[in-house]
């Protein structure tokens, strides 16, 4: 292995490629991963290699190595996340470029997927989340881009502009994630969803693997308070115009719905944003927990205060109970998390979400979901019965936020 490490440092790209391919071949087993641990410093240096095949192969080797929990934690504490972000920031999807070189689209997609998969693995734990949120690599990129634009527009005050830009963006947690969203999600698609007519039933194109990985990273980041506030306060248009429609889309794969609902569920944990989240997601959550037939059996006074968008879905025959167990459970838990604040409970009572859950409970066959429905009812009723209940209510803190 030590000799292999020497080859990884070779000035010859051909030799480096053969060496890292040899390393990658050892990462298919636990024993192999243990054997290459001493090569990790050398592998990390190749993550940003100018040769795209070398860089991608080294990243894939690290992805496989994350099977070892200790090694994964160690990587999350190192400079690995900054190296990955540096790779993602030089990607030009519009012109199929990475840096100044042109590449085939499939090569670029594989490169991005590898970087995001590694980022996804490294942010499973809080250490990696904090590392990503506090990364300053985005500020460097912003400054460089700003300077280039300034050169085109004017030659005056260039140094002052650089200092001002650096000062403005310094110590703003999570700004790098905002940039990734803008870069990797097609702006035209966001614009398309935003401009759709309200009565449109147009189905969405399937979300790409690249974007699913990015949403997974967001879901991991929302394990932290900083991450949740960042997504709620600055990514609301993306949640509303891109993510939530996939919950309703007939073409969405289960893995896409799980990832998006898991993200939404985590956001509902943030008590200070319960009103914002409730107004944003309730029509979608309620629509995936009931059917038109179930609503029609209710008295009008039971559903008269349902959200307007919910009735729009109803008219379009888009009310459909989520079939995936995990998705359905997490949808109910979105509602349970929203009961964590008094304002959340008041709003849920006003909208009368209870009637949707009551009808769902009549046909629900999964015991754990029925328990969550019971949990919701008990918590919502606490305000009305003086804070006491006949049965033990599970503390919200025991309902852990989700991570892939």
Protein backbone atom coordinates (compact mmCIF):
# COMPACT_ATOMS: atom_id res chain seq x y z
CA UNK A 1 0.00 0.00 0.00
CA UNK A 2 2.87 2.40 0.75
CA UNK A 3 4.23 1.89 -2.78
CA UNK A 4 0.76 2.58 -4.14
CA UNK A 5 0.81 5.85 -2.23
CA UNK A 6 3.95 6.89 -4.11
CA UNK A 7 2.19 6.27 -7.41
CA UNK A 8 -0.72 8.43 -6.27
CA UNK A 9 1.72 11.34 -6.03
CA UNK A 10 3.17 10.78 -9.49
CA UNK A 11 3.41 13.80 -11.83
CA UNK A 12 2.07 11.55 -14.58
CA UNK A 13 -1.73 11.65 -14.84
CA UNK A 14 -1.72 8.19 -16.40
CA UNK A 15 0.12 6.69 -13.42
CA UNK A 16 -2.07 8.56 -10.90
CA UNK A 17 -5.17 7.24 -12.65
CA UNK A 18 -3.95 3.65 -12.59
CA UNK A 19 -3.00 4.00 -8.93
CA UNK A 20 -6.34 5.45 -7.82
CA UNK A 21 -8.18 2.80 -9.82
CA UNK A 22 -6.17 0.22 -7.90
CA UNK A 23 -7.15 1.89 -4.62
CA UNK A 24 -10.81 1.99 -5.65
CA UNK A 25 -10.77 -1.73 -6.37
CA UNK A 26 -9.90 -2.35 -2.71
CA UNK A 27 -12.91 -0.40 -1.36
CA UNK A 28 -15.43 -3.10 -2.15
CA UNK A 29 -14.84 -4.93 1.14
CA UNK A 30 -14.37 -3.93 4.78
CA UNK A 31 -10.91 -5.48 4.81
CA UNK A 32 -9.95 -3.53 1.73
CA UNK A 33 -11.13 -0.28 3.30
CA UNK A 34 -9.06 -0.96 6.39
CA UNK A 35 -6.05 -1.56 4.18
CA UNK A 36 -6.27 1.76 2.34
CA UNK A 37 -6.73 3.94 5.44
CA UNK A 38 -3.09 4.95 5.33
CA UNK A 39 -3.65 6.26 1.80
CA UNK A 40 -6.49 8.63 2.73
CA UNK A 41 -4.25 11.78 2.81
CA UNK A 42 -3.04 10.95 -0.71
CA UNK A 43 -6.57 10.23 -1.94
CA UNK A 44 -7.82 13.54 -0.57
CA UNK A 45 -5.22 15.40 -2.63
CA UNK A 46 -6.66 13.81 -5.76
CA UNK A 47 -10.24 14.93 -5.05
CA UNK A 48 -9.47 18.22 -6.82
CA UNK A 49 -7.23 16.70 -9.49
CA UNK A 50 -7.39 18.47 -12.86
CA UNK A 51 -7.94 15.11 -14.53
CA UNK A 52 -11.67 14.54 -14.15
CA UNK A 53 -11.43 10.75 -14.19
CA UNK A 54 -8.87 10.80 -11.40
CA UNK A 55 -10.96 13.17 -9.33
CA UNK A 56 -14.17 11.18 -9.81
CA UNK A 57 -12.47 7.85 -9.02
CA UNK A 58 -10.89 9.24 -5.84
CA UNK A 59 -14.29 10.56 -4.72
CA UNK A 60 -15.92 7.19 -5.38
CA UNK A 61 -13.19 5.54 -3.30
CA UNK A 62 -14.05 7.89 -0.41
CA UNK A 63 -17.77 7.19 -0.84
CA UNK A 64 -17.15 3.47 -0.41
CA UNK A 65 -14.84 4.17 2.52
CA UNK A 66 -17.68 5.92 4.37
CA UNK A 67 -19.00 2.45 5.18
CA UNK A 68 -16.49 2.62 8.03
CA UNK A 69 -18.25 4.93 10.59
CA UNK A 70 -15.00 6.10 12.20
CA UNK A 71 -13.45 6.90 8.85
CA UNK A 72 -16.59 8.72 7.74
CA UNK A 73 -16.54 10.86 10.89
CA UNK A 74 -12.86 11.58 10.38
CA UNK A 75 -13.49 12.68 6.78
CA UNK A 76 -16.37 14.93 7.86
CA UNK A 77 -14.03 16.74 10.26
CA UNK A 78 -11.28 17.18 7.66
CA UNK A 79 -11.08 19.44 4.62
CA UNK A 80 -13.02 16.94 2.49
CA UNK A 81 -16.27 18.92 2.43
CA UNK A 82 -14.48 22.08 1.30
CA UNK A 83 -12.77 20.08 -1.46
CA UNK A 84 -16.12 18.75 -2.66
CA UNK A 85 -17.66 22.23 -2.64
CA UNK A 86 -14.73 23.54 -4.64
CA UNK A 87 -15.43 20.89 -7.28
CA UNK A 88 -19.12 21.72 -7.46
CA UNK A 89 -18.50 25.42 -7.83
CA UNK A 90 -16.46 25.17 -11.02
CA UNK A 91 -19.19 23.19 -12.80
CA UNK A 92 -20.85 25.05 -15.67
CA UNK A 93 -23.93 22.97 -16.52
CA UNK A 94 -25.14 25.32 -19.21
CA UNK A 95 -21.97 25.02 -21.28
CA UNK A 96 -20.93 21.51 -20.14
CA UNK A 97 -17.70 22.80 -18.68
CA UNK A 98 -15.71 22.08 -15.56
CA UNK A 99 -13.19 24.81 -15.12
CA UNK A 100 -12.10 25.87 -18.60
CA UNK A 101 -12.42 22.45 -20.23
CA UNK A 102 -15.35 21.10 -22.21
CA UNK A 103 -16.73 17.68 -21.26
CA UNK A 104 -19.52 15.38 -22.34
CA UNK A 105 -22.72 15.91 -20.40
CA UNK A 106 -22.73 12.36 -18.97
CA UNK A 107 -19.18 12.88 -17.66
CA UNK A 108 -20.21 16.06 -15.86
CA UNK A 109 -23.33 14.40 -14.44
CA UNK A 110 -21.27 11.48 -13.08
CA UNK A 111 -18.81 13.95 -11.58
CA UNK A 112 -21.55 15.96 -9.85
CA UNK A 113 -23.31 12.82 -8.60
CA UNK A 114 -20.08 11.52 -7.06
CA UNK A 115 -19.42 14.82 -5.27
CA UNK A 116 -22.99 15.06 -3.96
CA UNK A 117 -23.04 11.42 -2.84
CA UNK A 118 -19.89 12.01 -0.82
CA UNK A 119 -21.36 15.22 0.60
CA UNK A 120 -24.51 13.29 1.48
CA UNK A 121 -22.49 10.67 3.36
CA UNK A 122 -20.41 13.24 5.22
CA UNK A 123 -23.45 15.23 6.40
CA UNK A 124 -25.27 12.29 7.98
CA UNK A 125 -23.84 13.36 11.33
CA UNK A 126 -24.00 16.78 12.95
CA UNK A 127 -20.25 17.32 12.59
CA UNK A 128 -20.48 17.20 8.80
CA UNK A 129 -23.60 19.40 8.77
CA UNK A 130 -21.86 22.13 10.75
CA UNK A 131 -18.79 21.85 8.54
CA UNK A 132 -20.91 22.36 5.43
CA UNK A 133 -22.93 25.22 6.91
CA UNK A 134 -19.82 27.05 8.07
CA UNK A 135 -17.79 26.54 4.89
CA UNK A 136 -16.19 29.72 3.57
CA UNK A 137 -15.43 28.34 0.11
CA UNK A 138 -18.49 30.09 -1.31
CA UNK A 139 -17.26 33.46 -0.14
CA UNK A 140 -14.00 32.98 -2.04
CA UNK A 141 -15.91 32.05 -5.18
CA UNK A 142 -18.23 35.03 -4.84
CA UNK A 143 -15.30 37.40 -4.47
CA UNK A 144 -13.57 36.04 -7.57
CA UNK A 145 -16.75 36.21 -9.64
CA UNK A 146 -17.47 39.69 -8.37
CA UNK A 147 -14.00 40.86 -9.41
CA UNK A 148 -14.42 39.47 -12.91
CA UNK A 149 -17.70 41.31 -13.33
CA UNK A 150 -16.16 44.48 -11.99
CA UNK A 151 -13.33 44.30 -14.56
CA UNK A 152 -15.87 44.19 -17.34
CA UNK A 153 -17.92 47.09 -16.01
CA UNK A 154 -15.27 49.36 -14.54
CA UNK A 155 -11.66 49.51 -13.52
CA UNK A 156 -12.10 51.80 -10.55
CA UNK A 157 -12.24 50.81 -6.90
CA UNK A 158 -11.47 47.16 -7.66
CA UNK A 159 -9.66 46.44 -4.40
CA UNK A 160 -12.35 48.18 -2.33
CA UNK A 161 -15.08 46.16 -4.04
CA UNK A 162 -13.25 42.94 -3.24
CA UNK A 163 -12.99 43.86 0.43
CA UNK A 164 -16.64 44.90 0.60
CA UNK A 165 -17.85 41.65 -0.97
CA UNK A 166 -15.76 39.59 1.39
CA UNK A 167 -17.07 41.53 4.39
CA UNK A 168 -20.68 41.25 3.26
CA UNK A 169 -20.67 37.47 2.90
CA UNK A 170 -18.30 36.54 5.70
CA UNK A 171 -19.73 34.38 8.48
CA UNK A 172 -23.11 33.80 6.82
CA UNK A 173 -23.79 30.12 7.53
CA UNK A 174 -25.22 28.08 4.71
CA UNK A 175 -24.81 30.55 1.84
CA UNK A 176 -22.89 27.86 -0.04
CA UNK A 177 -26.01 25.66 -0.08
CA UNK A 178 -28.06 28.45 -1.62
CA UNK A 179 -25.54 28.62 -4.42
CA UNK A 180 -25.75 24.86 -5.00
CA UNK A 181 -29.53 25.05 -5.27
CA UNK A 182 -29.29 27.81 -7.87
CA UNK A 183 -26.59 25.97 -9.79
CA UNK A 184 -27.95 22.42 -9.80
CA UNK A 185 -31.69 23.03 -10.05
CA UNK A 186 -32.67 24.24 -13.48
CA UNK A 187 -33.82 27.89 -13.11
CA UNK A 188 -36.11 27.44 -16.13
CA UNK A 189 -37.94 24.63 -14.36
CA UNK A 190 -38.45 26.79 -11.28
CA UNK A 191 -39.76 29.57 -13.50
CA UNK A 192 -42.04 27.12 -15.32
CA UNK A 193 -43.65 25.89 -12.09
CA UNK A 194 -44.07 29.41 -10.78
CA UNK A 195 -45.86 30.54 -13.94
CA UNK A 196 -48.20 27.57 -14.19
CA UNK A 197 -51.90 28.38 -14.05
CA UNK A 198 -53.56 27.48 -10.78
CA UNK A 199 -55.85 24.93 -12.39
CA UNK A 200 -53.05 23.24 -14.33
CA UNK A 201 -52.64 19.50 -13.79
CA UNK A 202 -49.42 19.30 -15.76
CA UNK A 203 -47.28 16.44 -14.51
CA UNK A 204 -43.66 17.10 -13.66
CA UNK A 205 -40.66 15.57 -15.31
CA UNK A 206 -38.92 13.14 -13.02
CA UNK A 207 -36.39 14.70 -10.66
CA UNK A 208 -32.86 13.80 -11.70
CA UNK A 209 -30.58 11.69 -9.49
CA UNK A 210 -28.30 14.71 -9.08
CA UNK A 211 -31.10 16.79 -7.58
CA UNK A 212 -32.31 13.93 -5.38
CA UNK A 213 -28.81 13.74 -3.89
CA UNK A 214 -28.85 17.49 -3.29
CA UNK A 215 -32.22 17.31 -1.52
CA UNK A 216 -30.73 14.48 0.57
CA UNK A 217 -27.93 16.83 1.59
CA UNK A 218 -30.55 19.43 2.54
CA UNK A 219 -32.42 16.82 4.57
CA UNK A 220 -29.23 15.99 6.44
CA UNK A 221 -28.48 19.67 7.06
CA UNK A 222 -31.95 20.21 8.53
CA UNK A 223 -30.94 18.04 11.47
CA UNK A 224 -29.54 21.32 12.84
CA UNK A 225 -31.38 24.49 13.86
CA UNK A 226 -29.16 26.58 11.57
CA UNK A 227 -29.94 24.31 8.64
CA UNK A 228 -33.69 24.40 9.24
CA UNK A 229 -33.80 28.18 9.52
CA UNK A 230 -31.66 28.52 6.41
CA UNK A 231 -33.94 26.34 4.29
CA UNK A 232 -37.19 27.85 5.61
CA UNK A 233 -36.11 31.48 5.38
CA UNK A 234 -34.12 31.44 2.13
CA UNK A 235 -35.31 28.44 0.14
CA UNK A 236 -39.06 28.91 0.46
CA UNK A 237 -39.54 29.55 -3.29
CA UNK A 238 -37.76 26.28 -4.09
CA UNK A 239 -39.87 24.41 -1.53
CA UNK A 240 -43.10 25.88 -2.86
CA UNK A 241 -42.44 25.90 -6.60
CA UNK A 242 -40.29 22.79 -7.01
CA UNK A 243 -40.18 20.39 -4.05
CA UNK A 244 -43.82 20.30 -2.93
CA UNK A 245 -45.28 19.67 -6.41
CA UNK A 246 -43.34 16.39 -6.49
CA UNK A 247 -45.37 15.18 -3.52
CA UNK A 248 -48.47 15.52 -5.70
CA UNK A 249 -46.97 14.33 -8.99
CA UNK A 250 -48.20 11.02 -10.37
CA UNK A 251 -44.77 10.41 -11.89
CA UNK A 252 -42.69 10.86 -8.75
CA UNK A 253 -40.66 7.85 -7.71
CA UNK A 254 -40.92 6.68 -4.12
CA UNK A 255 -37.31 7.65 -3.38
CA UNK A 256 -38.03 11.21 -4.54
CA UNK A 257 -41.12 11.52 -2.37
CA UNK A 258 -39.30 10.03 0.63
CA UNK A 259 -36.47 12.51 0.28
CA UNK A 260 -38.70 15.57 -0.11
CA UNK A 261 -41.15 14.54 2.63
CA UNK A 262 -38.23 13.76 4.93
CA UNK A 263 -36.90 17.27 4.33
CA UNK A 264 -40.32 18.86 4.91
CA UNK A 265 -40.78 16.79 8.07
CA UNK A 266 -37.51 18.05 9.51
CA UNK A 267 -38.49 21.66 8.79
CA UNK A 268 -41.71 21.21 10.77
CA UNK A 269 -39.56 20.59 13.86
CA UNK A 270 -38.64 24.30 14.00
CA UNK A 271 -41.19 25.78 16.43
CA UNK A 272 -40.44 29.41 15.60
CA UNK A 273 -41.48 28.80 11.98
CA UNK A 274 -44.60 26.69 12.56
CA UNK A 275 -47.04 29.22 11.08
CA UNK A 276 -44.86 29.63 7.99
CA UNK A 277 -44.51 25.89 7.48
CA UNK A 278 -48.19 25.16 8.17
CA UNK A 279 -49.38 27.69 5.60
CA UNK A 280 -46.85 26.34 3.10
CA UNK A 281 -47.32 22.58 3.35
CA UNK A 282 -50.74 21.77 4.86
CA UNK A 283 -52.68 21.61 1.57
CA UNK A 284 -50.14 19.10 0.20
CA UNK A 285 -49.89 17.01 3.36
CA UNK A 286 -53.65 16.83 3.78
CA UNK A 287 -54.15 15.99 0.10
CA UNK A 288 -51.85 12.96 0.41
CA UNK A 289 -53.64 11.62 3.50
CA UNK A 290 -57.20 11.50 2.18
CA UNK A 291 -59.43 10.93 -0.85
CA UNK A 292 -62.29 12.89 -2.37
CA UNK A 293 -64.71 10.19 -1.22
CA UNK A 294 -63.51 10.48 2.38
CA UNK A 295 -64.05 14.25 2.37
CA UNK A 296 -67.50 14.02 0.79
CA UNK A 297 -68.85 12.00 3.73
CA UNK A 298 -67.99 14.83 6.14
CA UNK A 299 -70.41 17.54 7.14
CA UNK A 300 -69.64 20.84 5.43
CA UNK A 301 -68.80 22.51 8.74
CA UNK A 302 -66.10 19.88 9.28
CA UNK A 303 -64.10 20.96 6.25
CA UNK A 304 -65.23 24.52 5.48
CA UNK A 305 -61.96 25.95 6.80
CA UNK A 306 -59.65 23.61 4.88
CA UNK A 307 -56.99 25.52 2.84
CA UNK A 308 -58.16 26.87 -0.53
CA UNK A 309 -55.41 24.98 -2.35
CA UNK A 310 -56.70 21.73 -0.84
CA UNK A 311 -60.10 22.34 -2.45
CA UNK A 312 -58.33 23.07 -5.71
CA UNK A 313 -56.64 19.67 -5.50
CA UNK A 314 -60.03 18.17 -4.68
CA UNK A 315 -61.67 19.67 -7.78
CA UNK A 316 -58.80 18.33 -9.89
CA UNK A 317 -59.31 14.82 -8.45
CA UNK A 318 -55.78 14.89 -7.02
CA UNK A 319 -56.58 13.75 -3.49
CA UNK A 320 -54.84 10.42 -3.05
CA UNK A 321 -53.58 8.60 0.03
CA UNK A 322 -49.83 8.10 -0.09
CA UNK A 323 -49.11 4.41 -0.67
CA UNK A 324 -45.55 4.27 0.67
CA UNK A 325 -45.46 3.45 4.39
CA UNK A 326 -42.49 5.66 5.24
CA UNK A 327 -43.87 8.62 3.27
CA UNK A 328 -47.30 8.31 4.88
CA UNK A 329 -45.80 8.03 8.37
CA UNK A 330 -43.62 11.09 7.81
CA UNK A 331 -46.58 13.07 6.45
CA UNK A 332 -48.47 12.40 9.67
CA UNK A 333 -45.37 13.29 11.68
CA UNK A 334 -45.22 16.63 9.87
CA UNK A 335 -48.54 17.36 11.58
CA UNK A 336 -47.31 15.96 14.90
CA UNK A 337 -44.25 18.23 14.81
CA UNK A 338 -46.47 21.24 14.08
CA UNK A 339 -48.27 20.59 17.38
CA UNK A 340 -45.03 21.37 19.20
CA UNK A 341 -46.01 25.03 19.63
CA UNK A 342 -49.20 26.71 20.80
CA UNK A 343 -49.45 28.72 17.59
CA UNK A 344 -49.09 25.52 15.59
CA UNK A 345 -51.83 23.77 17.56
CA UNK A 346 -54.18 26.73 17.23
CA UNK A 347 -53.71 26.86 13.48
CA UNK A 348 -54.18 23.10 13.05
CA UNK A 349 -57.39 23.25 15.08
CA UNK A 350 -58.66 26.22 13.08
CA UNK A 351 -58.07 24.45 9.77
CA UNK A 352 -59.64 21.30 11.26
CA UNK A 353 -56.92 18.90 10.17
CA UNK A 354 -58.34 16.47 12.73
CA UNK A 355 -61.11 15.36 10.37
CA UNK A 356 -58.62 14.25 7.73
CA UNK A 357 -56.71 12.17 10.28
CA UNK A 358 -59.90 10.76 11.76
CA UNK A 359 -60.99 9.40 8.38
CA UNK A 360 -57.48 8.13 7.66
CA UNK A 361 -57.37 6.29 10.97
CA UNK A 362 -60.53 4.41 10.01
CA UNK A 363 -58.71 2.67 7.15
CA UNK A 364 -55.07 2.81 8.31
CA UNK A 365 -53.60 -0.68 8.69
CA UNK A 366 -50.13 0.27 9.96
CA UNK A 367 -50.02 0.41 13.75
CA UNK A 368 -47.14 2.88 13.97
CA UNK A 369 -49.04 5.38 11.82
CA UNK A 370 -52.19 4.96 13.90
CA UNK A 371 -50.07 5.67 16.98
CA UNK A 372 -48.86 8.91 15.40
CA UNK A 373 -52.46 9.91 14.64
CA UNK A 374 -53.33 9.26 18.28
CA UNK A 375 -50.27 11.28 19.29
CA UNK A 376 -51.52 14.21 17.21
CA UNK A 377 -55.03 14.12 18.68
CA UNK A 378 -53.76 13.94 22.26
CA UNK A 379 -51.37 16.87 21.87
CA UNK A 380 -53.89 19.09 20.08
CA UNK A 381 -56.45 18.39 22.81
CA UNK A 382 -54.08 19.34 25.64
CA UNK A 383 -54.96 23.04 25.38
CA UNK A 384 -58.66 22.28 25.60
CA UNK A 385 -58.55 19.88 28.54
CA UNK A 386 -56.19 21.82 30.75
CA UNK A 387 -52.95 20.12 29.78
CA UNK A 388 -53.77 16.63 31.02
CA UNK A 389 -54.57 13.42 29.20
CA UNK A 390 -55.59 9.91 30.18
CA UNK A 391 -52.78 8.26 28.24
CA UNK A 392 -49.08 8.91 28.07
CA UNK A 393 -48.08 11.23 25.24
CA UNK A 394 -44.68 10.59 23.68
CA UNK A 395 -42.49 13.71 24.05
CA UNK A 396 -41.78 15.34 20.70
CA UNK A 397 -38.06 15.19 21.42
CA UNK A 398 -38.26 11.40 21.13
CA UNK A 399 -39.43 11.70 17.54
CA UNK A 400 -36.01 12.07 15.96
CA UNK A 401 -35.62 14.19 12.86
CA UNK A 402 -34.87 12.11 9.81
CA UNK A 403 -31.63 11.49 7.99
CA UNK A 404 -30.82 9.13 5.16
